[in-house]
């Protein structure tokens, strides 16, 4: 389908220019939509490496890492996004996710202490 075509096009663009931020970001989105989270993480990571201020890629990277239970790494990217001033709505979304993670951590720690 169209997502498969998009994956092929973005992959081709990245063969020409591996640090192309938008292609890495968009390939990450396409792969994530196919459930290929590990590959999406790699793409978002390359986008962030090429452009530290690509907070949308940082946010999506953080969300994929949350999905995989890699909470420490996720927190770093989500916190950087929450601290950014470039996109207040995205920063607020990242902060909400961080608040939920913190709440779960406290609840989980409380439950473990009761057992």
C-alpha atoms as a PDB file:
ATOM      1  CA  UNK A   1       0.000   0.000   0.000  1.00  0.00           C
ATOM      2  CA  UNK A   2       0.878   3.647   0.303  1.00  0.00           C
ATOM      3  CA  UNK A   3       2.828   3.188   3.540  1.00  0.00           C
ATOM      4  CA  UNK A   4       5.012   0.539   1.892  1.00  0.00           C
ATOM      5  CA  UNK A   5       5.700   2.971  -0.960  1.00  0.00           C
ATOM      6  CA  UNK A   6       6.527   5.729   1.515  1.00  0.00           C
ATOM      7  CA  UNK A   7       8.961   3.431   3.313  1.00  0.00           C
ATOM      8  CA  UNK A   8      10.694   2.683   0.013  1.00  0.00           C
ATOM      9  CA  UNK A   9      10.886   6.360  -0.979  1.00  0.00           C
ATOM     10  CA  UNK A  10      12.247   7.527   2.378  1.00  0.00           C
ATOM     11  CA  UNK A  11      14.754   4.658   2.456  1.00  0.00           C
ATOM     12  CA  UNK A  12      15.950   5.663  -1.016  1.00  0.00           C
ATOM     13  CA  UNK A  13      16.289   9.317   0.040  1.00  0.00           C
ATOM     14  CA  UNK A  14      18.356   8.216   3.039  1.00  0.00           C
ATOM     15  CA  UNK A  15      20.710   6.236   0.809  1.00  0.00           C
ATOM     16  CA  UNK A  16      21.462   9.536  -0.927  1.00  0.00           C
ATOM     17  CA  UNK A  17      21.669  11.581   2.282  1.00  0.00           C
ATOM     18  CA  UNK A  18      21.739   9.496   5.516  1.00  0.00           C
ATOM     19  CA  UNK A  19      21.453  12.528   7.844  1.00  0.00           C
ATOM     20  CA  UNK A  20      18.338  13.907   6.093  1.00  0.00           C
ATOM     21  CA  UNK A  21      16.286  14.779   9.180  1.00  0.00           C
ATOM     22  CA  UNK A  22      12.846  14.911   7.565  1.00  0.00           C
ATOM     23  CA  UNK A  23      13.338  11.598   5.744  1.00  0.00           C
ATOM     24  CA  UNK A  24      14.483   9.878   8.952  1.00  0.00           C
ATOM     25  CA  UNK A  25      11.525  11.345  10.850  1.00  0.00           C
ATOM     26  CA  UNK A  26       8.980  10.424   8.173  1.00  0.00           C
ATOM     27  CA  UNK A  27      10.437   6.946   7.715  1.00  0.00           C
ATOM     28  CA  UNK A  28      10.145   6.516  11.486  1.00  0.00           C
ATOM     29  CA  UNK A  29       6.475   7.483  11.284  1.00  0.00           C
ATOM     30  CA  UNK A  30       5.831   5.049   8.439  1.00  0.00           C
ATOM     31  CA  UNK A  31       7.630   2.197  10.185  1.00  0.00           C
ATOM     32  CA  UNK A  32       5.861   2.915  13.464  1.00  0.00           C
ATOM     33  CA  UNK A  33       2.501   2.771  11.692  1.00  0.00           C
ATOM     34  CA  UNK A  34       3.468  -0.715  10.494  1.00  0.00           C
ATOM     35  CA  UNK A  35       4.347  -1.794  14.037  1.00  0.00           C
ATOM     36  CA  UNK A  36       8.066  -1.818  13.250  1.00  0.00           C
ATOM     37  CA  UNK A  37       8.948   0.035  16.438  1.00  0.00           C
ATOM     38  CA  UNK A  38      12.637  -0.966  16.683  1.00  0.00           C
ATOM     39  CA  UNK A  39      13.271   0.374  13.186  1.00  0.00           C
ATOM     40  CA  UNK A  40      11.257   3.509  13.932  1.00  0.00           C
ATOM     41  CA  UNK A  41      13.365   4.097  17.040  1.00  0.00           C
ATOM     42  CA  UNK A  42      16.523   3.925  14.917  1.00  0.00           C
ATOM     43  CA  UNK A  43      15.089   6.457  12.434  1.00  0.00           C
ATOM     44  CA  UNK A  44      13.924   8.882  15.103  1.00  0.00           C
ATOM     45  CA  UNK A  45      17.313   8.505  16.790  1.00  0.00           C
ATOM     46  CA  UNK A  46      19.123   9.437  13.574  1.00  0.00           C
ATOM     47  CA  UNK A  47      16.839  12.454  13.132  1.00  0.00           C
ATOM     48  CA  UNK A  48      17.594  13.621  16.673  1.00  0.00           C
ATOM     49  CA  UNK A  49      21.315  12.998  16.218  1.00  0.00           C
ATOM     50  CA  UNK A  50      21.314  15.116  13.052  1.00  0.00           C
ATOM     51  CA  UNK A  51      19.169  17.883  14.609  1.00  0.00           C
ATOM     52  CA  UNK A  52      19.100  18.087  18.406  1.00  0.00           C
ATOM     53  CA  UNK A  53      16.241  20.598  18.197  1.00  0.00           C
ATOM     54  CA  UNK A  54      13.960  18.233  16.237  1.00  0.00           C
ATOM     55  CA  UNK A  55      11.653  17.894  19.221  1.00  0.00           C
ATOM     56  CA  UNK A  56       8.884  16.149  17.307  1.00  0.00           C
ATOM     57  CA  UNK A  57      11.336  13.323  16.558  1.00  0.00           C
ATOM     58  CA  UNK A  58      12.481  13.393  20.212  1.00  0.00           C
ATOM     59  CA  UNK A  59       8.878  13.112  21.372  1.00  0.00           C
ATOM     60  CA  UNK A  60       8.079  10.210  19.045  1.00  0.00           C
ATOM     61  CA  UNK A  61      11.360   8.518  19.995  1.00  0.00           C
ATOM     62  CA  UNK A  62      10.409   8.881  23.649  1.00  0.00           C
ATOM     63  CA  UNK A  63       6.936   7.459  23.020  1.00  0.00           C
ATOM     64  CA  UNK A  64       8.355   4.433  21.172  1.00  0.00           C
ATOM     65  CA  UNK A  65      10.772   3.842  24.030  1.00  0.00           C
ATOM     66  CA  UNK A  66       7.870   4.023  26.518  1.00  0.00           C
ATOM     67  CA  UNK A  67       6.050   1.448  24.390  1.00  0.00           C
ATOM     68  CA  UNK A  68       9.060  -0.845  24.755  1.00  0.00           C
ATOM     69  CA  UNK A  69       9.369  -0.257  28.499  1.00  0.00           C
ATOM     70  CA  UNK A  70      12.700   1.586  28.139  1.00  0.00           C
ATOM     71  CA  UNK A  71      11.560   4.269  30.530  1.00  0.00           C
ATOM     72  CA  UNK A  72      14.905   5.802  31.496  1.00  0.00           C
ATOM     73  CA  UNK A  73      15.836   6.490  27.876  1.00  0.00           C
ATOM     74  CA  UNK A  74      12.272   7.617  27.120  1.00  0.00           C
ATOM     75  CA  UNK A  75      12.341  10.059  30.017  1.00  0.00           C
ATOM     76  CA  UNK A  76      15.498  11.753  28.690  1.00  0.00           C
ATOM     77  CA  UNK A  77      13.894  12.472  25.321  1.00  0.00           C
ATOM     78  CA  UNK A  78      10.515  13.422  26.729  1.00  0.00           C
ATOM     79  CA  UNK A  79      12.136  15.744  29.283  1.00  0.00           C
ATOM     80  CA  UNK A  80      14.153  17.492  26.558  1.00  0.00           C
ATOM     81  CA  UNK A  81      10.896  17.952  24.635  1.00  0.00           C
ATOM     82  CA  UNK A  82       9.039  19.194  27.714  1.00  0.00           C
ATOM     83  CA  UNK A  83      11.829  21.692  28.416  1.00  0.00           C
ATOM     84  CA  UNK A  84      11.848  23.045  24.857  1.00  0.00           C
ATOM     85  CA  UNK A  85      10.227  26.360  24.094  1.00  0.00           C
ATOM     86  CA  UNK A  86       9.883  25.868  20.318  1.00  0.00           C
ATOM     87  CA  UNK A  87       6.511  24.083  20.407  1.00  0.00           C
ATOM     88  CA  UNK A  88       4.550  24.789  23.612  1.00  0.00           C
ATOM     89  CA  UNK A  89       1.782  22.280  22.776  1.00  0.00           C
ATOM     90  CA  UNK A  90       4.287  19.489  22.152  1.00  0.00           C
ATOM     91  CA  UNK A  91       6.170  20.438  25.322  1.00  0.00           C
ATOM     92  CA  UNK A  92       2.901  20.227  27.278  1.00  0.00           C
ATOM     93  CA  UNK A  93       2.127  16.793  25.775  1.00  0.00           C
ATOM     94  CA  UNK A  94       5.586  15.542  26.715  1.00  0.00           C
ATOM     95  CA  UNK A  95       5.126  16.857  30.260  1.00  0.00           C
ATOM     96  CA  UNK A  96       1.784  15.046  30.572  1.00  0.00           C
ATOM     97  CA  UNK A  97       3.442  11.774  29.543  1.00  0.00           C
ATOM     98  CA  UNK A  98       6.247  12.381  32.046  1.00  0.00           C
ATOM     99  CA  UNK A  99       3.668  13.047  34.765  1.00  0.00           C
ATOM    100  CA  UNK A 100       1.905   9.757  33.981  1.00  0.00           C
ATOM    101  CA  UNK A 101       5.217   7.870  34.017  1.00  0.00           C
ATOM    102  CA  UNK A 102       6.141   9.425  37.346  1.00  0.00           C
ATOM    103  CA  UNK A 103       2.719   8.578  38.761  1.00  0.00           C
ATOM    104  CA  UNK A 104       3.039   4.967  37.603  1.00  0.00           C
ATOM    105  CA  UNK A 105       6.531   4.733  39.032  1.00  0.00           C
ATOM    106  CA  UNK A 106       5.281   5.903  42.437  1.00  0.00           C
ATOM    107  CA  UNK A 107       2.273   3.569  42.284  1.00  0.00           C
ATOM    108  CA  UNK A 108       4.461   0.648  41.188  1.00  0.00           C
ATOM    109  CA  UNK A 109       6.975   1.351  43.942  1.00  0.00           C
ATOM    110  CA  UNK A 110       4.141   1.563  46.456  1.00  0.00           C
ATOM    111  CA  UNK A 111       2.679  -1.748  45.305  1.00  0.00           C
ATOM    112  CA  UNK A 112       6.076  -3.450  45.456  1.00  0.00           C
ATOM    113  CA  UNK A 113       6.551  -2.205  49.006  1.00  0.00           C
ATOM    114  CA  UNK A 114       3.190  -3.700  50.055  1.00  0.00           C
ATOM    115  CA  UNK A 115       4.043  -7.173  48.720  1.00  0.00           C
END
